[in-house]
Amino acid sequence: MTTPIKPGIQPQQPPVQLRTQSQAAGASAKADGAASVRPTDDSVKLTDSAKALDAASRADGIDSKRVEELRAKIADGSYKPDAQAIASKFLAMEAQMGGNA
């Protein structure tokens, strides 16, 4: 089978069966001629930083009242950030990430 490749257009990839799909879905995929996925011993371990980023992205621990207070202060021009505190936090974060701070 020959598939012409045009600049800027990517060929469609065949569907992939995930290991999390039910056995019934796997059986129907095999009946349709799709290749099955072999189980492997691969594993993933998340670092504490990755877990913290995941929690932050899920909005765990966000104080909505405080956020609204800050939005109001920013909108009316009364919010004055502490540049020294911000710089200190950036330096601490840089040191934690392995920088030369």
N, C-alpha and C. Protein backbone atom coordinates (compact mmCIF):
# COMPACT_ATOMS: atom_id res chain seq x y z
N MET A 1 0.84 -1.17 0.00
CA MET A 1 0.00 0.00 0.00
C MET A 1 0.88 1.23 0.00
N THR A 2 0.59 2.17 -0.86
CA THR A 2 1.36 3.40 -0.95
C THR A 2 0.51 4.56 -0.47
N THR A 3 1.08 5.37 0.41
CA THR A 3 0.39 6.54 0.93
C THR A 3 1.19 7.77 0.55
N PRO A 4 0.61 8.63 -0.28
CA PRO A 4 1.34 9.85 -0.63
C PRO A 4 1.41 10.78 0.59
N ILE A 5 2.56 11.41 0.79
CA ILE A 5 2.74 12.34 1.91
C ILE A 5 2.81 13.74 1.33
N LYS A 6 1.91 14.56 1.77
CA LYS A 6 1.87 15.95 1.32
C LYS A 6 2.46 16.83 2.42
N PRO A 7 3.21 17.87 2.06
CA PRO A 7 3.80 18.74 3.07
C PRO A 7 2.71 19.35 3.97
N GLY A 8 2.95 19.30 5.27
CA GLY A 8 2.03 19.92 6.21
C GLY A 8 0.86 19.05 6.60
N ILE A 9 0.68 17.91 5.98
CA ILE A 9 -0.45 17.03 6.31
C ILE A 9 0.11 15.72 6.86
N GLN A 10 -0.28 15.39 8.06
CA GLN A 10 0.21 14.17 8.69
C GLN A 10 -0.73 13.01 8.36
N PRO A 11 -0.18 11.83 8.07
CA PRO A 11 -1.04 10.67 7.81
C PRO A 11 -1.76 10.26 9.10
N GLN A 12 -2.96 9.73 8.97
CA GLN A 12 -3.70 9.29 10.13
C GLN A 12 -3.06 8.05 10.71
N GLN A 13 -3.02 7.99 12.05
CA GLN A 13 -2.46 6.86 12.75
C GLN A 13 -3.57 5.85 13.03
N PRO A 14 -3.24 4.56 13.03
CA PRO A 14 -4.26 3.56 13.36
C PRO A 14 -4.66 3.71 14.82
N PRO A 15 -5.88 3.34 15.19
CA PRO A 15 -6.32 3.46 16.58
C PRO A 15 -5.51 2.54 17.48
N VAL A 16 -5.29 2.99 18.71
CA VAL A 16 -4.50 2.24 19.68
C VAL A 16 -5.43 1.78 20.79
N GLN A 17 -5.29 0.53 21.17
CA GLN A 17 -6.10 -0.01 22.25
C GLN A 17 -5.33 0.18 23.55
N LEU A 18 -5.93 0.83 24.53
CA LEU A 18 -5.30 1.06 25.82
C LEU A 18 -5.49 -0.13 26.73
N ARG A 19 -4.54 -0.32 27.63
CA ARG A 19 -4.63 -1.42 28.58
C ARG A 19 -5.81 -1.25 29.54
N THR A 20 -6.29 -0.04 29.72
CA THR A 20 -7.37 0.20 30.65
C THR A 20 -8.74 -0.10 30.07
N GLN A 21 -8.79 -0.41 28.78
CA GLN A 21 -10.07 -0.74 28.18
C GLN A 21 -10.54 -2.10 28.69
N SER A 22 -11.83 -2.27 28.71
CA SER A 22 -12.37 -3.52 29.23
C SER A 22 -12.03 -4.69 28.31
N GLN A 23 -12.13 -5.88 28.87
CA GLN A 23 -11.84 -7.09 28.08
C GLN A 23 -12.80 -7.21 26.91
N ALA A 24 -14.06 -6.80 27.12
CA ALA A 24 -15.04 -6.88 26.04
C ALA A 24 -14.63 -5.98 24.88
N ALA A 25 -14.13 -4.79 25.20
CA ALA A 25 -13.68 -3.88 24.15
C ALA A 25 -12.47 -4.47 23.45
N GLY A 26 -11.59 -5.12 24.23
CA GLY A 26 -10.41 -5.75 23.63
C GLY A 26 -10.80 -6.87 22.70
N ALA A 27 -11.80 -7.66 23.09
CA ALA A 27 -12.24 -8.77 22.25
C ALA A 27 -12.85 -8.25 20.96
N SER A 28 -13.63 -7.17 21.05
CA SER A 28 -14.24 -6.64 19.83
C SER A 28 -13.19 -6.01 18.93
N ALA A 29 -12.14 -5.41 19.54
CA ALA A 29 -11.07 -4.83 18.74
C ALA A 29 -10.32 -5.92 18.00
N LYS A 30 -10.09 -7.06 18.67
CA LYS A 30 -9.41 -8.17 18.00
C LYS A 30 -10.26 -8.71 16.86
N ALA A 31 -11.57 -8.74 17.08
CA ALA A 31 -12.47 -9.22 16.04
C ALA A 31 -12.44 -8.29 14.84
N ASP A 32 -12.19 -6.98 15.11
CA ASP A 32 -12.12 -6.00 14.02
C ASP A 32 -10.76 -6.01 13.33
N GLY A 33 -9.83 -6.81 13.82
CA GLY A 33 -8.52 -6.90 13.18
C GLY A 33 -7.50 -5.94 13.75
N ALA A 34 -7.81 -5.21 14.83
CA ALA A 34 -6.86 -4.29 15.43
C ALA A 34 -5.83 -5.07 16.23
N ALA A 35 -4.61 -4.59 16.27
CA ALA A 35 -3.55 -5.25 17.03
C ALA A 35 -3.79 -5.01 18.51
N SER A 36 -3.54 -6.04 19.32
CA SER A 36 -3.72 -5.89 20.76
C SER A 36 -2.42 -5.40 21.39
N VAL A 37 -2.53 -4.85 22.58
CA VAL A 37 -1.38 -4.33 23.30
C VAL A 37 -0.94 -5.38 24.31
N ARG A 38 0.34 -5.71 24.30
CA ARG A 38 0.86 -6.69 25.26
C ARG A 38 1.11 -6.01 26.59
N PRO A 39 0.79 -6.69 27.68
CA PRO A 39 1.12 -6.13 28.99
C PRO A 39 2.63 -6.12 29.18
N THR A 40 3.15 -5.10 29.84
CA THR A 40 4.59 -5.01 30.08
C THR A 40 4.83 -4.75 31.56
N ASP A 41 6.07 -4.75 31.92
CA ASP A 41 6.45 -4.47 33.29
C ASP A 41 6.86 -3.01 33.48
N ASP A 42 6.46 -2.14 32.57
CA ASP A 42 6.80 -0.73 32.69
C ASP A 42 6.13 -0.14 33.91
N SER A 43 6.79 0.84 34.50
CA SER A 43 6.20 1.52 35.65
C SER A 43 6.63 2.98 35.64
N VAL A 44 5.88 3.80 36.35
CA VAL A 44 6.16 5.21 36.46
C VAL A 44 6.11 5.59 37.93
N LYS A 45 7.08 6.37 38.37
CA LYS A 45 7.09 6.85 39.75
C LYS A 45 7.11 8.38 39.69
N LEU A 46 6.11 9.00 40.31
CA LEU A 46 6.02 10.45 40.31
C LEU A 46 6.81 11.03 41.48
N THR A 47 7.53 12.11 41.20
CA THR A 47 8.26 12.79 42.26
C THR A 47 7.30 13.62 43.10
N ASP A 48 7.77 14.08 44.24
CA ASP A 48 6.95 14.94 45.08
C ASP A 48 6.57 16.22 44.35
N SER A 49 7.50 16.74 43.54
CA SER A 49 7.21 17.96 42.77
C SER A 49 6.10 17.72 41.76
N ALA A 50 6.14 16.56 41.11
CA ALA A 50 5.09 16.24 40.13
C ALA A 50 3.75 16.08 40.83
N LYS A 51 3.75 15.47 42.01
CA LYS A 51 2.51 15.33 42.76
C LYS A 51 1.96 16.69 43.18
N ALA A 52 2.86 17.60 43.58
CA ALA A 52 2.42 18.94 43.97
C ALA A 52 1.85 19.70 42.78
N LEU A 53 2.48 19.56 41.61
CA LEU A 53 1.96 20.21 40.41
C LEU A 53 0.59 19.65 40.03
N ASP A 54 0.43 18.33 40.18
CA ASP A 54 -0.85 17.71 39.88
C ASP A 54 -1.93 18.23 40.81
N ALA A 55 -1.61 18.32 42.11
CA ALA A 55 -2.59 18.83 43.09
C ALA A 55 -2.94 20.27 42.78
N ALA A 56 -1.94 21.08 42.40
CA ALA A 56 -2.19 22.48 42.08
C ALA A 56 -3.07 22.62 40.84
N SER A 57 -2.87 21.74 39.87
CA SER A 57 -3.67 21.82 38.65
C SER A 57 -5.11 21.39 38.89
N ARG A 58 -5.34 20.63 39.96
CA ARG A 58 -6.69 20.19 40.29
C ARG A 58 -7.38 21.16 41.25
N ALA A 59 -6.73 22.26 41.57
CA ALA A 59 -7.26 23.31 42.43
C ALA A 59 -7.42 22.85 43.87
N ASP A 60 -6.64 21.86 44.32
CA ASP A 60 -6.66 21.45 45.73
C ASP A 60 -6.00 22.55 46.56
N GLY A 61 -6.67 22.98 47.62
CA GLY A 61 -6.07 23.94 48.53
C GLY A 61 -6.12 25.38 48.08
N ILE A 62 -6.92 25.73 47.09
CA ILE A 62 -7.03 27.11 46.65
C ILE A 62 -8.11 27.80 47.48
N ASP A 63 -7.74 28.92 48.08
CA ASP A 63 -8.66 29.70 48.90
C ASP A 63 -9.40 30.67 47.98
N SER A 64 -10.60 30.29 47.57
CA SER A 64 -11.37 31.10 46.61
C SER A 64 -11.67 32.49 47.15
N LYS A 65 -11.92 32.60 48.45
CA LYS A 65 -12.20 33.90 49.05
C LYS A 65 -10.99 34.82 48.91
N ARG A 66 -9.79 34.27 49.19
CA ARG A 66 -8.56 35.06 49.08
C ARG A 66 -8.30 35.47 47.64
N VAL A 67 -8.57 34.58 46.71
CA VAL A 67 -8.39 34.89 45.29
C VAL A 67 -9.30 36.05 44.89
N GLU A 68 -10.54 36.01 45.32
CA GLU A 68 -11.48 37.10 45.00
C GLU A 68 -11.04 38.43 45.62
N GLU A 69 -10.52 38.37 46.87
CA GLU A 69 -10.02 39.58 47.52
C GLU A 69 -8.87 40.18 46.71
N LEU A 70 -7.95 39.33 46.26
CA LEU A 70 -6.82 39.82 45.46
C LEU A 70 -7.28 40.37 44.12
N ARG A 71 -8.24 39.72 43.49
CA ARG A 71 -8.77 40.23 42.22
C ARG A 71 -9.37 41.62 42.40
N ALA A 72 -10.10 41.80 43.49
CA ALA A 72 -10.72 43.10 43.76
C ALA A 72 -9.65 44.16 43.99
N LYS A 73 -8.60 43.83 44.75
CA LYS A 73 -7.53 44.79 45.00
C LYS A 73 -6.80 45.15 43.71
N ILE A 74 -6.56 44.16 42.86
CA ILE A 74 -5.89 44.42 41.57
C ILE A 74 -6.77 45.32 40.71
N ALA A 75 -8.07 45.03 40.69
CA ALA A 75 -8.99 45.81 39.86
C ALA A 75 -9.07 47.27 40.30
N ASP A 76 -9.05 47.52 41.63
CA ASP A 76 -9.16 48.91 42.08
C ASP A 76 -7.81 49.59 42.29
N GLY A 77 -6.73 48.88 42.01
CA GLY A 77 -5.40 49.48 42.05
C GLY A 77 -4.77 49.54 43.43
N SER A 78 -5.35 48.90 44.41
CA SER A 78 -4.80 48.97 45.77
C SER A 78 -3.85 47.82 46.10
N TYR A 79 -3.66 46.88 45.19
CA TYR A 79 -2.75 45.75 45.45
C TYR A 79 -1.32 46.19 45.22
N LYS A 80 -0.49 46.03 46.24
CA LYS A 80 0.92 46.39 46.16
C LYS A 80 1.75 45.15 46.49
N PRO A 81 2.25 44.45 45.48
CA PRO A 81 3.03 43.23 45.73
C PRO A 81 4.36 43.56 46.42
N ASP A 82 4.84 42.65 47.25
CA ASP A 82 6.11 42.79 47.96
C ASP A 82 7.20 42.19 47.07
N ALA A 83 7.93 43.07 46.38
CA ALA A 83 8.95 42.63 45.42
C ALA A 83 10.03 41.79 46.10
N GLN A 84 10.42 42.15 47.32
CA GLN A 84 11.46 41.41 48.04
C GLN A 84 11.00 39.99 48.35
N ALA A 85 9.76 39.83 48.79
CA ALA A 85 9.23 38.50 49.10
C ALA A 85 9.13 37.65 47.83
N ILE A 86 8.72 38.26 46.73
CA ILE A 86 8.61 37.54 45.46
C ILE A 86 9.99 37.07 45.01
N ALA A 87 10.99 37.95 45.08
CA ALA A 87 12.35 37.59 44.67
C ALA A 87 12.89 36.46 45.55
N SER A 88 12.63 36.53 46.85
CA SER A 88 13.10 35.48 47.76
C SER A 88 12.48 34.13 47.41
N LYS A 89 11.19 34.14 47.09
CA LYS A 89 10.50 32.89 46.72
C LYS A 89 11.08 32.32 45.43
N PHE A 90 11.36 33.20 44.45
CA PHE A 90 11.94 32.73 43.19
C PHE A 90 13.32 32.12 43.43
N LEU A 91 14.14 32.76 44.28
CA LEU A 91 15.47 32.22 44.57
C LEU A 91 15.37 30.87 45.29
N ALA A 92 14.44 30.76 46.22
CA ALA A 92 14.25 29.49 46.93
C ALA A 92 13.80 28.39 45.96
N MET A 93 12.91 28.73 45.05
CA MET A 93 12.43 27.76 44.08
C MET A 93 13.57 27.34 43.14
N GLU A 94 14.37 28.31 42.73
CA GLU A 94 15.51 28.01 41.86
C GLU A 94 16.50 27.08 42.56
N ALA A 95 16.76 27.32 43.83
CA ALA A 95 17.67 26.47 44.59
C ALA A 95 17.10 25.06 44.74
N GLN A 96 15.79 24.97 44.94
CA GLN A 96 15.14 23.66 45.09
C GLN A 96 15.22 22.87 43.78
N MET A 97 15.16 23.57 42.66
CA MET A 97 15.20 22.89 41.36
C MET A 97 16.62 22.57 40.94
N GLY A 98 17.60 22.93 41.75
CA GLY A 98 18.99 22.56 41.43
C GLY A 98 19.77 23.66 40.76
N GLY A 99 19.27 24.88 40.81
CA GLY A 99 19.99 26.00 40.20
C GLY A 99 21.15 26.42 41.08
N ASN A 100 21.90 27.35 40.60
CA ASN A 100 23.07 27.85 41.33
C ASN A 100 22.74 29.15 42.04
N ALA A 101 21.74 29.13 42.91
CA ALA A 101 21.35 30.34 43.61
C ALA A 101 22.05 30.46 44.93
